C-alpha atoms as a PDB file:
ATOM      1  CA  MET A   1       0.000   0.000   0.000  1.00  0.00           C
ATOM      2  CA  PRO A   2       1.520   3.376  -0.979  1.00  0.00           C
ATOM      3  CA  GLU A   3       2.382   5.796   1.781  1.00  0.00           C
ATOM      4  CA  LYS A   4       0.215   8.839   2.140  1.00  0.00           C
ATOM      5  CA  THR A   5       2.187  12.039   1.644  1.00  0.00           C
ATOM      6  CA  THR A   6       1.048  15.363   2.925  1.00  0.00           C
ATOM      7  CA  GLU A   7       1.750  18.528   1.055  1.00  0.00           C
ATOM      8  CA  LYS A   8       2.457  21.679   3.025  1.00  0.00           C
ATOM      9  CA  VAL A   9       0.500  24.621   1.705  1.00  0.00           C
ATOM     10  CA  ILE A  10       1.994  28.040   2.320  1.00  0.00           C
ATOM     11  CA  THR A  11       0.444  31.448   1.904  1.00  0.00           C
ATOM     12  CA  GLU A  12       1.606  34.060  -0.576  1.00  0.00           C
ATOM     13  CA  GLU A  13       2.977  36.122   2.313  1.00  0.00           C
ATOM     14  CA  GLU A  14       5.107  33.172   3.431  1.00  0.00           C
ATOM     15  CA  VAL A  15       6.511  32.826  -0.092  1.00  0.00           C
ATOM     16  CA  HIS A  16       7.677  36.437  -0.036  1.00  0.00           C
ATOM     17  CA  THR A  17       9.047  36.328   3.509  1.00  0.00           C
ATOM     18  CA  ASN A  18      12.794  35.951   3.856  1.00  0.00           C
ATOM     19  CA  PRO A  19      13.782  34.682   7.316  1.00  0.00           C
ATOM     20  CA  MET A  20      17.322  36.012   6.772  1.00  0.00           C
ATOM     21  CA  LEU A  21      15.972  39.566   6.988  1.00  0.00           C
ATOM     22  CA  ALA A  22      14.688  39.015  10.525  1.00  0.00           C
ATOM     23  CA  MET A  23      18.052  37.802  11.818  1.00  0.00           C
ATOM     24  CA  PRO A  24      19.794  40.070  14.310  1.00  0.00           C
ATOM     25  CA  VAL A  25      23.194  41.280  13.134  1.00  0.00           C
ATOM     26  CA  VAL A  26      26.224  40.194  15.157  1.00  0.00           C
ATOM     27  CA  PRO A  27      28.789  43.001  14.926  1.00  0.00           C
ATOM     28  CA  ASP A  28      31.852  40.825  14.356  1.00  0.00           C
ATOM     29  CA  SER A  29      33.663  43.233  12.016  1.00  0.00           C
ATOM     30  CA  LYS A  30      34.307  46.972  11.845  1.00  0.00           C
ATOM     31  CA  LEU A  31      31.787  47.466   9.054  1.00  0.00           C
ATOM     32  CA  LYS A  32      29.069  45.482  10.838  1.00  0.00           C
ATOM     33  CA  SER A  33      29.741  47.381  14.067  1.00  0.00           C
ATOM     34  CA  PHE A  34      29.451  50.692  12.227  1.00  0.00           C
ATOM     35  CA  LEU A  35      26.209  49.670  10.514  1.00  0.00           C
ATOM     36  CA  VAL A  36      24.662  48.290  13.710  1.00  0.00           C
ATOM     37  CA  ASP A  37      25.570  51.462  15.635  1.00  0.00           C
ATOM     38  CA  TYR A  38      24.350  53.766  12.854  1.00  0.00           C
ATOM     39  CA  VAL A  39      21.058  51.941  12.325  1.00  0.00           C
ATOM     40  CA  GLY A  40      20.535  51.500  16.067  1.00  0.00           C
ATOM     41  CA  GLU A  41      20.885  55.261  16.620  1.00  0.00           C
ATOM     42  CA  LYS A  42      18.708  56.123  13.633  1.00  0.00           C
ATOM     43  CA  LEU A  43      15.843  53.693  14.303  1.00  0.00           C
ATOM     44  CA  ALA A  44      16.186  53.187  18.076  1.00  0.00           C
ATOM     45  CA  PRO A  45      14.514  49.738  18.179  1.00  0.00           C
ATOM     46  CA  ASP A  46      12.666  48.865  21.387  1.00  0.00           C
ATOM     47  CA  ASN A  47      14.717  45.740  22.048  1.00  0.00           C
ATOM     48  CA  GLU A  48      17.982  47.405  20.930  1.00  0.00           C
ATOM     49  CA  GLU A  49      18.447  44.634  18.382  1.00  0.00           C
ATOM     50  CA  VAL A  50      19.300  45.584  14.799  1.00  0.00           C
ATOM     51  CA  THR A  51      18.171  43.171  12.080  1.00  0.00           C
ATOM     52  CA  VAL A  52      19.360  42.689   8.522  1.00  0.00           C
ATOM     53  CA  ASN A  53      16.074  44.173   7.288  1.00  0.00           C
ATOM     54  CA  MET A  54      16.613  47.345   9.334  1.00  0.00           C
ATOM     55  CA  ILE A  55      20.060  47.809   7.795  1.00  0.00           C
ATOM     56  CA  ALA A  56      18.655  47.225   4.286  1.00  0.00           C
ATOM     57  CA  GLU A  57      15.912  49.809   4.878  1.00  0.00           C
ATOM     58  CA  VAL A  58      18.350  52.427   6.174  1.00  0.00           C
ATOM     59  CA  LEU A  59      20.752  51.784   3.291  1.00  0.00           C
ATOM     60  CA  ALA A  60      17.889  52.176   0.818  1.00  0.00           C
ATOM     61  CA  THR A  61      16.960  55.503   2.411  1.00  0.00           C
ATOM     62  CA  ASP A  62      20.405  56.957   3.086  1.00  0.00           C
ATOM     63  CA  PHE A  63      22.410  55.437   0.231  1.00  0.00           C
ATOM     64  CA  PRO A  64      19.961  54.673  -2.605  1.00  0.00           C
ATOM     65  CA  GLU A  65      22.718  54.661  -5.242  1.00  0.00           C
ATOM     66  CA  PHE A  66      24.378  51.663  -3.610  1.00  0.00           C
ATOM     67  CA  THR A  67      21.121  49.856  -2.998  1.00  0.00           C
ATOM     68  CA  PHE A  68      19.989  50.411  -6.588  1.00  0.00           C
ATOM     69  CA  ALA A  69      23.291  49.182  -8.051  1.00  0.00           C
ATOM     70  CA  PHE A  70      23.243  46.115  -5.806  1.00  0.00           C
ATOM     71  CA  ALA A  71      19.611  45.315  -6.639  1.00  0.00           C
ATOM     72  CA  GLU A  72      20.167  45.851 -10.355  1.00  0.00           C
ATOM     73  CA  GLU A  73      23.134  43.471 -10.420  1.00  0.00           C
ATOM     74  CA  ASN A  74      21.143  40.883  -8.466  1.00  0.00           C
ATOM     75  CA  PHE A  75      18.193  41.235 -10.857  1.00  0.00           C
ATOM     76  CA  LEU A  76      20.366  40.889 -13.955  1.00  0.00           C
ATOM     77  CA  ARG A  77      22.096  37.791 -12.606  1.00  0.00           C
ATOM     78  CA  GLY A  78      18.745  36.240 -11.710  1.00  0.00           C
ATOM     79  CA  TYR A  79      17.292  37.129 -15.107  1.00  0.00           C
ATOM     80  CA  GLN A  80      20.274  35.561 -16.892  1.00  0.00           C
ATOM     81  CA  LEU A  81      19.957  32.437 -14.757  1.00  0.00           C
ATOM     82  CA  GLY A  82      16.276  32.219 -15.698  1.00  0.00           C
ATOM     83  CA  LEU A  83      17.116  32.536 -19.390  1.00  0.00           C
ATOM     84  CA  ASP A  84      19.787  29.861 -19.064  1.00  0.00           C
ATOM     85  CA  ASP A  85      17.324  27.554 -17.297  1.00  0.00           C
ATOM     86  CA  ALA A  86      14.666  28.153 -19.959  1.00  0.00           C
ATOM     87  CA  GLN A  87      17.152  27.460 -22.711  1.00  0.00           C
ATOM     88  CA  SER A  88      18.189  24.163 -21.129  1.00  0.00           C
ATOM     89  CA  LEU A  89      14.544  23.031 -21.102  1.00  0.00           C
ATOM     90  CA  HIS A  90      14.397  23.172 -24.897  1.00  0.00           C
ATOM     91  CA  PRO A  91      17.650  21.832 -26.307  1.00  0.00           C
ATOM     92  CA  ALA A  92      18.552  23.056 -29.759  1.00  0.00           C
ATOM     93  CA  GLU A  93      16.944  21.061 -32.478  1.00  0.00           C
ATOM     94  CA  THR A  94      19.312  19.381 -34.832  1.00  0.00           C
ATOM     95  CA  GLU A  95      19.429  20.684 -38.348  1.00  0.00           C
ATOM     96  CA  GLN A  96      18.202  18.347 -40.977  1.00  0.00           C
ATOM     97  CA  THR A  97      19.814  18.485 -44.352  1.00  0.00           C
ATOM     98  CA  VAL A  98      17.633  17.972 -47.306  1.00  0.00           C
ATOM     99  CA  GLY A  99      19.221  16.306 -50.304  1.00  0.00           C
ATOM    100  CA  THR A 100      18.861  18.174 -53.551  1.00  0.00           C
ATOM    101  CA  THR A 101      19.005  16.758 -57.035  1.00  0.00           C
ATOM    102  CA  ASP A 102      20.661  18.465 -59.982  1.00  0.00           C
END
């Protein structure tokens, strides 16, 4: 008798939720320490914990040129990957030569 498998259904919100963004940042380098301090002073979170999402939001507001360049590069790489994947789904058809008579 085949085993019964259950399929987990997720909501659209869950699809678009990135758990990495909710992670608190551990300031283990000079740059991370600077960003955590800067964002912590700017947003003053209640629990004094700065998350990756908070840093992304502040960067988007205070340094949109960087955020735009980063997002554009990410988009282009993802778009190229999608094109490559689509191309691999339909391998090139072989050319057929038709014999001609003189």
